[in-house]
Amino acid sequence: MYKTRFLAEWEPQGGILMALPDTFTDWEYMLIEVLDCYARIISAMTSEGVRVVLLCASRERAVELLGSIVEQPLVTLVEAEYNDTWTRDYGPLAVERAGRNRALDFGFNGWGLKFASDRDNLVNLHLRDKFIILPAQYRNERDFTLEGGSVETDGRGTILTTTRCLTSPNRNGGKSIAQLNEILHDRLGASHVLWLNYGALEGDDTDSHIDTLARMAPGDTIIFTGCRNVDDPHFEQLLTMRAELTLFRTPSGDPYNLVELPLPDPIYDSDGCRLPATYANYLVTDRVIFMPTYAQPANDTLACQTIRIAFPDHKVVPVDCRALICQHGSLHCATMQLHAGFFNDAIGE
């Protein structure tokens, strides 16, 4: 039996998977605003030499919506059908097995049957059939529902996740933590699973995805969302989550190095409901971190400075993501890294 290792986000990548907002998605009511945001994200990535693999209804439609941004060499357009644009949760997860990287295609059911997902659930098969994912490295794991935003790893056998999400009865029948530990070991090679029981953001419809709350970084480090305002409704939950994090131990028994990100000032939708803005929803590549910002200069600057503590050798590129938060997600949710080894490098030639 070959050992399996869940790859960390900062390991070498071939490209970043995104899906273009269009009138058939939930973005129709604010399409211009969100397309401006996608243009900023794509421009930021390609300026740093990062390839973007962009799902779209058609090449012509992509050019119509985003113009010359999608006609540059570092953007690969893939015609596909999809329900939603949150590729983080239906894109492939990467493991190393038998000395080669594999793309694992887990089941996706619209965050616990909340939203339509029939097309999203077929995207990885489509990427395989289009040779974006090398067919020999594709692995079908669709009998188990697992969203990319719900699991974090250090690339060394540790997984960080939340009980509220993974034990949800609408995902895998409400399996116990013991059962889930076994599945995470078998599928992702997890030898050490850290379960957060607290931490939730108002407006979050993912059942507390870990990528809104806490992220793993090199050097036994966990970056987490904090709250210093005692009058904020999040204060008690995030303070208790912080206490949980202080009790976590590495496989060798040492405490983790904890780095606290600020909580953005409240952002509300047109109905007065708070949106789940978080700086923890950043994207890491092997050289650059793309950090969501929310037009809050003091908080935005502090978040960018803070992330450098955990990633001192990475460049930090801020991207205004106020449009994304209107549909309850942010930069990490809208992107999924396609790791080197199963990504077809020939598409860029």
Protein backbone atom coordinates (compact mmCIF):
# COMPACT_ATOMS: atom_id res chain seq x y z
CA MET A 1 0.00 0.00 0.00
CA TYR A 2 1.44 3.36 -1.07
CA LYS A 3 1.43 6.25 1.39
CA THR A 4 -0.84 9.15 0.49
CA ARG A 5 0.03 12.79 1.23
CA PHE A 6 -2.45 15.67 0.91
CA LEU A 7 -0.52 18.50 -0.75
CA ALA A 8 -0.26 21.90 0.91
CA GLU A 9 -1.58 24.87 -1.01
CA TRP A 10 1.86 26.48 -1.28
CA GLU A 11 3.41 23.55 -3.15
CA PRO A 12 4.16 23.91 -6.91
CA GLN A 13 1.14 24.56 -9.07
CA GLY A 14 0.34 24.53 -12.75
CA GLY A 15 -2.55 26.95 -12.68
CA ILE A 16 -5.55 28.35 -10.83
CA LEU A 17 -9.07 27.19 -11.70
CA MET A 18 -11.81 29.82 -11.85
CA ALA A 19 -15.31 30.03 -13.36
CA LEU A 20 -16.57 33.10 -15.16
CA PRO A 21 -19.70 34.78 -13.74
CA ASP A 22 -22.48 34.95 -16.31
CA THR A 23 -26.21 35.56 -16.53
CA PHE A 24 -26.96 31.89 -15.77
CA THR A 25 -25.23 32.15 -12.37
CA ASP A 26 -26.34 33.88 -9.17
CA TRP A 27 -24.29 36.89 -10.25
CA GLU A 28 -26.79 38.07 -12.88
CA TYR A 29 -28.14 40.90 -10.70
CA MET A 30 -24.66 42.45 -10.27
CA LEU A 31 -22.79 41.08 -13.25
CA ILE A 32 -20.86 44.24 -14.10
CA GLU A 33 -19.52 44.65 -10.58
CA VAL A 34 -18.40 41.04 -10.20
CA LEU A 35 -16.83 40.96 -13.67
CA ASP A 36 -14.75 43.98 -12.65
CA CYS A 37 -13.64 41.97 -9.61
CA TYR A 38 -12.75 38.93 -11.73
CA ALA A 39 -10.81 41.16 -14.08
CA ARG A 40 -8.79 42.44 -11.11
CA ILE A 41 -8.11 38.92 -9.84
CA ILE A 42 -7.09 37.55 -13.23
CA SER A 43 -4.91 40.57 -13.97
CA ALA A 44 -3.23 40.28 -10.56
CA MET A 45 -2.47 36.61 -11.12
CA THR A 46 -1.21 36.83 -14.67
CA SER A 47 0.93 39.85 -13.74
CA GLU A 48 2.68 37.54 -11.27
CA GLY A 49 3.14 34.81 -13.87
CA VAL A 50 0.28 32.63 -12.58
CA ARG A 51 -1.76 30.75 -15.17
CA VAL A 52 -5.56 31.00 -14.91
CA VAL A 53 -7.77 28.19 -16.20
CA LEU A 54 -11.14 29.87 -16.70
CA LEU A 55 -14.38 27.94 -17.14
CA CYS A 56 -16.80 29.77 -19.42
CA ALA A 57 -19.92 29.20 -21.50
CA SER A 58 -17.91 29.78 -24.66
CA ARG A 59 -14.72 31.48 -25.78
CA GLU A 60 -16.74 34.15 -27.53
CA ARG A 61 -18.77 34.84 -24.41
CA ALA A 62 -15.64 35.13 -22.27
CA VAL A 63 -14.17 37.71 -24.66
CA GLU A 64 -17.49 39.56 -24.70
CA LEU A 65 -17.55 39.78 -20.89
CA LEU A 66 -13.87 40.36 -20.08
CA GLY A 67 -12.26 41.45 -23.34
CA SER A 68 -8.52 41.23 -23.89
CA ILE A 69 -7.88 40.05 -20.31
CA VAL A 70 -8.83 36.51 -21.37
CA GLU A 71 -6.94 36.64 -24.66
CA GLN A 72 -3.47 36.69 -23.11
CA PRO A 73 -1.15 33.64 -23.08
CA LEU A 74 -1.51 32.94 -19.35
CA VAL A 75 -5.30 32.52 -19.53
CA THR A 76 -6.68 29.18 -20.71
CA LEU A 77 -10.38 29.21 -21.54
CA VAL A 78 -12.30 25.97 -21.05
CA GLU A 79 -15.86 25.76 -22.32
CA ALA A 80 -17.93 24.02 -19.65
CA GLU A 81 -21.29 23.88 -17.93
CA TYR A 82 -21.40 24.89 -14.26
CA ASN A 83 -23.96 26.08 -11.72
CA ASP A 84 -21.82 28.37 -9.63
CA THR A 85 -18.44 30.07 -9.65
CA TRP A 86 -17.00 28.81 -6.33
CA THR A 87 -14.42 26.44 -7.82
CA ARG A 88 -12.72 25.96 -4.44
CA ASP A 89 -15.47 23.58 -3.42
CA TYR A 90 -15.86 21.45 -6.55
CA GLY A 91 -12.35 21.60 -8.01
CA PRO A 92 -9.92 18.68 -7.54
CA LEU A 93 -7.94 18.09 -4.34
CA ALA A 94 -4.31 17.09 -4.80
CA VAL A 95 -2.46 14.22 -3.17
CA GLU A 96 0.90 12.61 -3.71
CA ARG A 97 0.67 8.85 -4.02
CA ALA A 98 3.27 6.39 -5.30
CA GLY A 99 5.59 9.29 -6.04
CA ARG A 100 3.13 11.05 -8.34
CA ASN A 101 0.55 13.78 -7.81
CA ARG A 102 -3.07 12.78 -8.26
CA ALA A 103 -6.23 14.83 -8.74
CA LEU A 104 -8.98 13.56 -6.45
CA ASP A 105 -12.54 14.24 -7.58
CA PHE A 106 -14.79 14.25 -4.52
CA GLY A 107 -18.56 14.58 -4.59
CA PHE A 108 -20.12 18.03 -4.35
CA ASN A 109 -23.76 18.55 -3.37
CA GLY A 110 -24.19 22.31 -3.12
CA TRP A 111 -22.96 22.77 0.46
CA GLY A 112 -25.27 20.21 2.00
CA LEU A 113 -28.09 20.32 -0.58
CA LYS A 114 -28.58 24.09 -0.23
CA PHE A 115 -28.05 24.93 -3.90
CA ALA A 116 -28.09 23.22 -7.31
CA SER A 117 -24.82 21.44 -8.04
CA ASP A 118 -25.48 18.95 -10.84
CA ARG A 119 -23.20 20.74 -13.31
CA ASP A 120 -20.54 21.71 -10.77
CA ASN A 121 -20.27 18.08 -9.75
CA LEU A 122 -19.20 17.12 -13.28
CA VAL A 123 -16.54 19.80 -13.80
CA ASN A 124 -13.55 17.64 -12.81
CA LEU A 125 -14.64 14.88 -15.17
CA HIS A 126 -14.88 17.51 -17.89
CA LEU A 127 -11.38 18.80 -17.09
CA ARG A 128 -10.12 15.23 -17.36
CA ASP A 129 -11.86 14.69 -20.68
CA LYS A 130 -10.41 17.99 -21.95
CA PHE A 131 -6.92 16.89 -20.82
CA ILE A 132 -6.56 19.86 -18.45
CA ILE A 133 -6.22 17.22 -15.74
CA LEU A 134 -4.04 14.40 -17.04
CA PRO A 135 -6.41 11.40 -17.29
CA ALA A 136 -3.87 8.98 -15.82
CA GLN A 137 -3.64 11.11 -12.66
CA TYR A 138 -7.40 11.57 -12.15
CA ARG A 139 -9.01 9.56 -9.35
CA ASN A 140 -12.75 9.19 -8.77
CA GLU A 141 -13.62 9.75 -5.09
CA ARG A 142 -17.16 10.94 -5.75
CA ASP A 143 -18.79 8.53 -3.32
CA PHE A 144 -17.67 10.90 -0.54
CA THR A 145 -18.76 14.55 -0.35
CA LEU A 146 -15.91 16.90 0.45
CA GLU A 147 -15.48 20.59 -0.39
CA GLY A 148 -12.04 22.11 -0.85
CA GLY A 149 -12.86 25.02 1.44
CA SER A 150 -13.62 22.66 4.31
CA VAL A 151 -10.13 21.18 4.76
CA GLU A 152 -6.68 22.69 5.33
CA THR A 153 -3.36 20.82 5.42
CA ASP A 154 0.29 21.47 6.18
CA GLY A 155 1.33 18.91 3.56
CA ARG A 156 2.79 16.68 6.29
CA GLY A 157 -0.23 14.61 7.29
CA THR A 158 -2.15 17.14 9.40
CA ILE A 159 -5.62 18.32 8.41
CA LEU A 160 -7.48 21.22 10.01
CA THR A 161 -11.28 21.28 9.66
CA THR A 162 -14.56 22.04 11.47
CA THR A 163 -17.05 19.64 13.02
CA ARG A 164 -19.99 21.78 11.96
CA CYS A 165 -19.20 21.26 8.28
CA LEU A 166 -17.84 17.73 7.97
CA THR A 167 -20.35 16.10 10.34
CA SER A 168 -23.28 17.78 8.56
CA PRO A 169 -26.00 15.14 7.98
CA ASN A 170 -26.71 16.60 4.52
CA ARG A 171 -23.21 15.83 3.26
CA ASN A 172 -22.29 12.29 4.26
CA GLY A 173 -25.17 11.19 6.45
CA GLY A 174 -23.80 12.72 9.64
CA LYS A 175 -20.80 10.43 10.03
CA SER A 176 -19.02 10.49 13.38
CA ILE A 177 -15.64 12.11 13.89
CA ALA A 178 -14.10 8.65 14.29
CA GLN A 179 -15.55 7.55 10.94
CA LEU A 180 -14.43 10.77 9.27
CA ASN A 181 -10.92 10.46 10.67
CA GLU A 182 -10.68 7.04 9.04
CA ILE A 183 -11.97 8.37 5.72
CA LEU A 184 -9.60 11.34 5.78
CA HIS A 185 -6.75 8.94 6.49
CA ASP A 186 -7.70 6.58 3.67
CA ARG A 187 -8.44 9.23 1.05
CA LEU A 188 -6.04 12.06 1.96
CA GLY A 189 -3.42 10.32 4.08
CA ALA A 190 -4.34 12.27 7.22
CA SER A 191 -2.47 11.03 10.28
CA HIS A 192 -3.42 13.97 12.51
CA VAL A 193 -6.81 15.73 12.29
CA LEU A 194 -7.54 18.94 14.19
CA TRP A 195 -11.27 19.56 14.71
CA LEU A 196 -12.56 23.06 15.46
CA ASN A 197 -15.90 23.11 17.26
CA TYR A 198 -16.28 26.88 17.47
CA GLY A 199 -16.05 29.75 15.06
CA ALA A 200 -18.78 30.89 12.67
CA LEU A 201 -19.30 34.04 10.65
CA GLU A 202 -22.68 35.66 10.14
CA GLY A 203 -23.89 35.15 6.58
CA ASP A 204 -21.76 32.05 6.01
CA ASP A 205 -23.81 29.39 4.21
CA THR A 206 -21.05 26.76 4.07
CA ASP A 207 -21.52 25.53 7.67
CA SER A 208 -18.24 27.07 8.83
CA HIS A 209 -15.73 26.29 6.12
CA ILE A 210 -12.27 26.29 7.62
CA ASP A 211 -10.99 28.73 4.96
CA THR A 212 -13.08 31.50 6.51
CA LEU A 213 -11.68 30.89 9.99
CA ALA A 214 -8.20 29.34 10.19
CA ARG A 215 -5.47 28.35 7.74
CA MET A 216 -2.34 26.25 8.00
CA ALA A 217 1.07 27.63 7.11
CA PRO A 218 4.64 26.27 7.08
CA GLY A 219 6.52 25.85 10.33
CA ASP A 220 3.65 24.48 12.47
CA THR A 221 1.76 27.74 12.09
CA ILE A 222 -1.98 28.40 12.07
CA ILE A 223 -3.32 31.74 10.84
CA PHE A 224 -6.74 32.53 12.26
CA THR A 225 -9.51 35.12 12.24
CA GLY A 226 -9.63 37.07 15.48
CA CYS A 227 -12.01 39.62 16.93
CA ARG A 228 -10.96 42.30 19.40
CA ASN A 229 -14.27 44.19 19.54
CA VAL A 230 -16.27 42.92 22.54
CA ASP A 231 -19.43 44.45 21.07
CA ASP A 232 -19.15 42.47 17.85
CA PRO A 233 -21.53 39.44 17.72
CA HIS A 234 -18.56 37.34 16.57
CA PHE A 235 -16.48 38.09 19.64
CA GLU A 236 -17.47 35.15 21.84
CA GLN A 237 -17.34 32.51 19.08
CA LEU A 238 -13.97 33.65 17.75
CA LEU A 239 -12.51 34.02 21.24
CA THR A 240 -13.55 30.45 22.04
CA MET A 241 -12.10 29.28 18.72
CA ARG A 242 -8.83 30.98 19.62
CA ALA A 243 -8.81 29.09 22.92
CA GLU A 244 -9.31 25.83 21.00
CA LEU A 245 -6.38 26.66 18.75
CA THR A 246 -4.10 27.23 21.76
CA LEU A 247 -4.88 23.70 22.92
CA PHE A 248 -4.03 22.05 19.61
CA ARG A 249 -0.74 20.20 19.46
CA THR A 250 1.48 19.13 16.60
CA PRO A 251 2.14 15.41 16.07
CA SER A 252 5.29 15.85 18.17
CA GLY A 253 3.30 17.40 21.02
CA ASP A 254 4.25 21.06 20.62
CA PRO A 255 1.78 23.95 20.47
CA TYR A 256 1.19 25.64 17.14
CA ASN A 257 2.47 29.09 16.34
CA LEU A 258 -0.67 31.22 16.14
CA VAL A 259 -0.96 34.31 13.94
CA GLU A 260 -4.11 36.42 14.30
CA LEU A 261 -5.71 38.20 11.36
CA PRO A 262 -8.05 41.13 12.00
CA LEU A 263 -11.76 40.81 11.38
CA PRO A 264 -13.01 43.25 8.73
CA ASP A 265 -15.44 45.91 9.86
CA PRO A 266 -19.02 44.75 9.27
CA ILE A 267 -20.26 44.70 5.67
CA TYR A 268 -24.00 44.39 5.04
CA ASP A 269 -26.15 43.50 2.05
CA SER A 270 -29.07 45.59 0.82
CA ASP A 271 -31.39 43.86 3.30
CA GLY A 272 -29.19 44.78 6.24
CA CYS A 273 -27.82 41.24 6.73
CA ARG A 274 -24.15 40.95 7.62
CA LEU A 275 -21.88 39.34 5.03
CA PRO A 276 -19.08 36.89 5.97
CA ALA A 277 -16.08 39.07 5.14
CA THR A 278 -12.79 37.51 6.27
CA TYR A 279 -9.11 37.97 5.50
CA ALA A 280 -8.53 34.24 6.06
CA ASN A 281 -9.94 33.65 2.57
CA TYR A 282 -6.62 34.37 0.83
CA LEU A 283 -5.04 32.25 -1.93
CA VAL A 284 -1.48 30.91 -1.63
CA THR A 285 0.70 29.99 -4.60
CA ASP A 286 4.29 28.83 -4.38
CA ARG A 287 5.55 32.45 -4.66
CA VAL A 288 2.65 34.85 -4.11
CA ILE A 289 -0.27 35.31 -1.71
CA PHE A 290 -3.37 36.99 -3.12
CA MET A 291 -5.11 38.72 -0.22
CA PRO A 292 -8.77 39.82 -0.34
CA THR A 293 -9.36 43.41 0.72
CA TYR A 294 -12.57 45.30 1.48
CA ALA A 295 -11.80 49.04 1.07
CA GLN A 296 -10.92 49.27 4.77
CA PRO A 297 -7.40 50.79 4.63
CA ALA A 298 -6.35 50.11 8.23
CA ASN A 299 -7.67 46.54 8.34
CA ASP A 300 -6.55 45.75 4.79
CA THR A 301 -3.01 46.94 5.49
CA LEU A 302 -2.83 45.10 8.81
CA ALA A 303 -4.02 41.86 7.18
CA CYS A 304 -1.37 42.10 4.44
CA GLN A 305 1.35 42.85 6.97
CA THR A 306 0.22 40.02 9.24
CA ILE A 307 0.27 37.35 6.56
CA ARG A 308 3.95 38.10 5.94
CA ILE A 309 4.73 36.80 9.42
CA ALA A 310 3.80 33.28 8.31
CA PHE A 311 5.01 33.62 4.71
CA PRO A 312 8.08 35.89 4.87
CA ASP A 313 9.37 34.80 1.45
CA HIS A 314 6.07 35.34 -0.37
CA LYS A 315 4.95 38.48 -2.13
CA VAL A 316 1.53 39.68 -0.91
CA VAL A 317 -0.80 41.10 -3.57
CA PRO A 318 -4.04 42.72 -2.33
CA VAL A 319 -7.20 42.40 -4.45
CA ASP A 320 -10.44 44.27 -3.76
CA CYS A 321 -13.08 41.56 -3.21
CA ARG A 322 -16.09 43.58 -2.07
CA ALA A 323 -18.11 42.25 -5.00
CA LEU A 324 -17.39 38.60 -4.12
CA ILE A 325 -18.56 39.01 -0.54
CA CYS A 326 -22.03 39.95 -1.83
CA GLN A 327 -22.57 36.26 -2.64
CA HIS A 328 -21.05 35.16 0.69
CA GLY A 329 -17.62 34.16 -0.61
CA SER A 330 -14.24 35.70 -1.29
CA LEU A 331 -10.98 35.15 -3.14
CA HIS A 332 -10.09 31.67 -1.90
CA CYS A 333 -13.64 30.45 -2.53
CA ALA A 334 -13.45 31.61 -6.16
CA THR A 335 -10.16 29.84 -6.91
CA MET A 336 -8.70 26.34 -6.80
CA GLN A 337 -5.04 25.52 -7.39
CA LEU A 338 -4.26 22.85 -9.96
CA HIS A 339 -1.07 21.31 -8.65
CA ALA A 340 1.89 20.44 -10.80
CA GLY A 341 2.03 16.76 -11.65
CA PHE A 342 -1.59 16.28 -12.66
CA PHE A 343 -2.06 19.58 -14.49
CA ASN A 344 -1.35 19.35 -18.21
CA ASP A 345 1.49 21.82 -18.71
CA ALA A 346 1.20 21.47 -22.48
CA ILE A 347 -1.91 23.68 -22.56
CA GLY A 348 0.30 26.71 -22.12
CA GLU A 349 2.54 25.94 -25.06
